[in-house]
Protein backbone atom coordinates (compact mmCIF):
# COMPACT_ATOMS: atom_id res chain seq x y z
CA UNK A 1 0.00 0.00 0.00
CA UNK A 2 1.62 3.21 -1.16
CA UNK A 3 0.11 6.67 -0.90
CA UNK A 4 1.96 9.61 -2.43
CA UNK A 5 1.47 12.98 -0.78
CA UNK A 6 3.00 16.29 -1.83
CA UNK A 7 4.52 18.06 1.15
CA UNK A 8 4.93 21.83 1.30
CA UNK A 9 7.07 22.98 4.25
CA UNK A 10 5.88 26.40 5.35
CA UNK A 11 8.58 27.71 7.69
CA UNK A 12 10.79 30.66 6.70
CA UNK A 13 13.69 29.33 4.66
CA UNK A 14 11.66 26.32 3.52
CA UNK A 15 12.94 24.26 0.64
CA UNK A 16 12.71 26.29 -2.54
CA UNK A 17 11.53 25.23 -5.99
CA UNK A 18 15.18 24.68 -7.01
CA UNK A 19 15.14 21.37 -5.10
CA UNK A 20 13.21 18.25 -6.18
CA UNK A 21 9.72 18.17 -4.63
CA UNK A 22 9.21 16.42 -1.33
CA UNK A 23 6.97 13.36 -1.58
CA UNK A 24 5.73 11.24 1.32
CA UNK A 25 4.72 7.66 0.73
CA UNK A 26 3.03 5.39 3.24
CA UNK A 27 4.38 1.88 2.79
CA UNK A 28 3.29 -1.29 4.55
CA UNK A 29 6.20 -2.74 6.54
CA UNK A 30 5.94 -6.05 4.72
CA UNK A 31 6.39 -4.26 1.37
CA UNK A 32 9.61 -2.41 2.24
CA UNK A 33 12.58 -3.29 0.07
CA UNK A 34 16.06 -4.02 1.47
CA UNK A 35 17.14 -0.65 -0.01
CA UNK A 36 14.35 1.16 1.89
CA UNK A 37 15.31 -0.62 5.14
CA UNK A 38 18.93 0.48 4.63
CA UNK A 39 17.86 4.08 4.05
CA UNK A 40 15.62 4.09 7.14
CA UNK A 41 18.39 2.56 9.26
CA UNK A 42 20.91 5.19 8.13
CA UNK A 43 18.50 8.11 8.70
CA UNK A 44 17.25 6.76 12.05
CA UNK A 45 20.79 6.20 13.32
CA UNK A 46 21.85 9.70 12.18
CA UNK A 47 18.89 11.27 14.00
CA UNK A 48 18.99 9.07 17.11
CA UNK A 49 22.69 8.20 17.64
CA UNK A 50 22.16 7.15 21.26
CA UNK A 51 19.73 4.48 20.02
CA UNK A 52 21.62 3.44 16.87
CA UNK A 53 21.07 -0.16 15.80
CA UNK A 54 21.92 -2.24 12.72
CA UNK A 55 18.21 -2.43 11.79
CA UNK A 56 15.44 -0.07 10.71
CA UNK A 57 13.43 -0.19 13.95
CA UNK A 58 14.05 0.06 17.68
CA UNK A 59 11.88 -2.46 19.56
CA UNK A 60 9.44 -3.87 17.01
CA UNK A 61 8.58 -3.43 13.34
CA UNK A 62 5.69 -0.98 12.89
CA UNK A 63 2.72 -1.64 10.58
CA UNK A 64 3.50 1.22 8.19
CA UNK A 65 6.29 3.63 7.40
CA UNK A 66 5.93 7.22 6.32
CA UNK A 67 8.91 7.87 4.05
CA UNK A 68 9.69 11.35 2.73
CA UNK A 69 11.78 11.53 -0.41
CA UNK A 70 13.50 14.44 -2.08
CA UNK A 71 14.32 12.95 -5.45
CA UNK A 72 15.89 9.60 -4.60
CA UNK A 73 17.13 10.70 -1.15
CA UNK A 74 15.27 9.62 1.99
CA UNK A 75 14.95 12.79 4.11
CA UNK A 76 12.14 11.96 6.53
CA UNK A 77 10.75 8.93 8.32
CA UNK A 78 8.06 7.96 10.79
CA UNK A 79 6.93 4.50 11.90
CA UNK A 80 3.16 4.06 12.26
CA UNK A 81 1.27 1.53 14.36
CA UNK A 82 -2.51 1.36 14.19
CA UNK A 83 -3.75 -0.05 17.46
CA UNK A 84 -6.68 -0.29 19.81
CA UNK A 85 -5.71 0.73 23.34
CA UNK A 86 -7.74 0.93 26.53
CA UNK A 87 -8.12 4.21 28.39
CA UNK A 88 -9.87 3.23 31.60
CA UNK A 89 -12.52 0.86 30.30
CA UNK A 90 -12.95 2.68 26.98
CA UNK A 91 -11.39 1.35 23.74
CA UNK A 92 -9.61 4.08 21.74
CA UNK A 93 -8.36 3.71 18.15
CA UNK A 94 -4.94 5.32 17.76
CA UNK A 95 -2.21 5.79 15.21
CA UNK A 96 1.04 5.49 17.16
CA UNK A 97 3.93 7.59 15.85
CA UNK A 98 7.41 6.08 16.18
CA UNK A 99 10.86 7.57 15.52
CA UNK A 100 9.75 10.63 13.55
CA UNK A 101 12.94 12.10 12.12
CA UNK A 102 14.15 14.52 9.44
CA UNK A 103 17.56 14.64 7.77
CA UNK A 104 19.77 17.29 9.42
CA UNK A 105 20.03 19.45 6.28
CA UNK A 106 16.23 19.90 6.17
CA UNK A 107 15.53 20.57 9.85
CA UNK A 108 13.88 23.85 10.78
CA UNK A 109 12.10 24.14 7.43
CA UNK A 110 8.69 22.80 8.46
CA UNK A 111 9.07 19.28 7.07
CA UNK A 112 8.22 17.47 10.32
CA UNK A 113 5.16 19.72 10.76
CA UNK A 114 4.06 18.98 7.18
CA UNK A 115 4.45 15.26 7.89
CA UNK A 116 2.31 15.55 11.03
CA UNK A 117 -0.39 17.45 9.11
CA UNK A 118 -0.54 14.72 6.45
CA UNK A 119 -0.65 11.99 9.10
CA UNK A 120 -3.59 13.72 10.78
CA UNK A 121 -5.51 13.70 7.48
CA UNK A 122 -4.58 10.05 6.90
CA UNK A 123 -5.65 8.99 10.43
CA UNK A 124 -8.95 10.85 10.11
CA UNK A 125 -9.63 9.12 6.76
CA UNK A 126 -9.18 5.76 8.50
CA UNK A 127 -11.69 6.61 11.27
CA UNK A 128 -9.06 6.63 14.03
CA UNK A 129 -9.56 8.64 17.20
CA UNK A 130 -6.09 9.98 18.10
CA UNK A 131 -2.48 10.33 17.08
CA UNK A 132 -0.39 9.07 20.01
CA UNK A 133 3.30 9.07 20.88
CA UNK A 134 5.87 9.24 23.64
CA UNK A 135 8.52 11.97 23.25
CA UNK A 136 11.41 13.21 25.38
CA UNK A 137 11.19 16.63 23.69
CA UNK A 138 7.54 17.61 23.12
CA UNK A 139 8.16 21.02 21.50
CA UNK A 140 7.50 19.99 17.87
CA UNK A 141 4.30 18.21 18.82
CA UNK A 142 2.98 20.94 21.11
CA UNK A 143 3.57 23.46 18.29
CA UNK A 144 1.41 21.22 16.07
CA UNK A 145 -1.63 20.99 18.34
CA UNK A 146 -0.76 17.92 20.40
CA UNK A 147 -1.60 17.86 24.10
CA UNK A 148 0.87 16.52 26.65
CA UNK A 149 -0.70 14.37 29.35
CA UNK A 150 0.48 12.66 32.53
CA UNK A 151 -1.15 9.33 33.27
CA UNK A 152 -0.48 5.83 34.53
CA UNK A 153 0.35 3.64 31.58
CA UNK A 154 0.84 -0.12 31.21
CA UNK A 155 2.66 -1.80 28.34
CA UNK A 156 4.57 -4.94 27.43
CA UNK A 157 8.28 -4.48 28.14
CA UNK A 158 10.37 -5.87 25.31
CA UNK A 159 14.06 -5.50 24.64
CA UNK A 160 16.30 -7.31 22.16
CA UNK A 161 13.50 -9.71 21.25
CA UNK A 162 12.72 -10.72 24.82
CA UNK A 163 9.53 -10.15 26.80
CA UNK A 164 10.09 -8.77 30.31
CA UNK A 165 6.46 -8.65 31.41
CA UNK A 166 4.06 -5.79 31.87
CA UNK A 167 5.22 -2.44 33.19
CA UNK A 168 2.97 0.09 34.93
CA UNK A 169 4.37 3.59 35.43
CA UNK A 170 3.22 7.17 35.75
CA UNK A 171 4.37 8.83 32.50
CA UNK A 172 4.53 12.56 31.81
CA UNK A 173 5.75 12.40 28.19
CA UNK A 174 2.59 11.12 26.46
CA UNK A 175 1.38 13.28 23.56
CA UNK A 176 -2.02 12.96 21.90
CA UNK A 177 -3.90 14.77 19.15
CA UNK A 178 -7.58 14.20 18.38
CA UNK A 179 -8.38 13.29 14.79
CA UNK A 180 -11.93 12.11 15.54
CA UNK A 181 -14.71 13.24 17.83
CA UNK A 182 -14.11 10.92 20.79
CA UNK A 183 -13.15 12.81 23.97
CA UNK A 184 -10.00 11.58 25.70
CA UNK A 185 -10.92 10.03 29.06
CA UNK A 186 -8.62 11.05 31.92
CA UNK A 187 -8.01 7.47 32.99
CA UNK A 188 -5.08 5.02 33.12
CA UNK A 189 -3.84 3.83 29.72
CA UNK A 190 -3.20 0.23 28.68
CA UNK A 191 -1.27 0.14 25.40
CA UNK A 192 -2.27 -3.51 24.92
CA UNK A 193 1.20 -4.18 23.56
CA UNK A 194 4.68 -2.73 23.43
CA UNK A 195 5.42 0.98 23.90
CA UNK A 196 6.02 2.96 20.74
């Protein structure tokens, strides 16, 4: 499944018409080529050197990848997991965002914000309720309409392909953005799987 989206960064100094256009494709994980995995690995390791690995994902392969290309160069990436979670006793349909990153030469030009805007449209078209992620630095997401919440959260702890049981912790780095009409209940969260 591939969806091509034209991205138009809007920040001052955004990429000019002299550069190839930026295109974002949504690709099912199972359809990624070895070349795409190599590109994702290189970009992810450049952007997250403290979490560098010889693979294109951190804990688990996501369902989809958002890949941003400028010509034949991969300049943006985000992993996407569609999942039902429980918030209190209410099921909530989310699109989990994983490892959103932009090549260093294009940072500060609005590309990540353009990616988030396209993902909001995509999630709404799929009748999901929220975009959801965990982030150490929330500034990009807060600037794009996300809300930071603090709540008890439970998830399956996995590391290096081993299951370490269920964790329950109070987290203050959860970010959500409504894409549907369902109100977010202020209740403990069960991710019903691994943490993004």
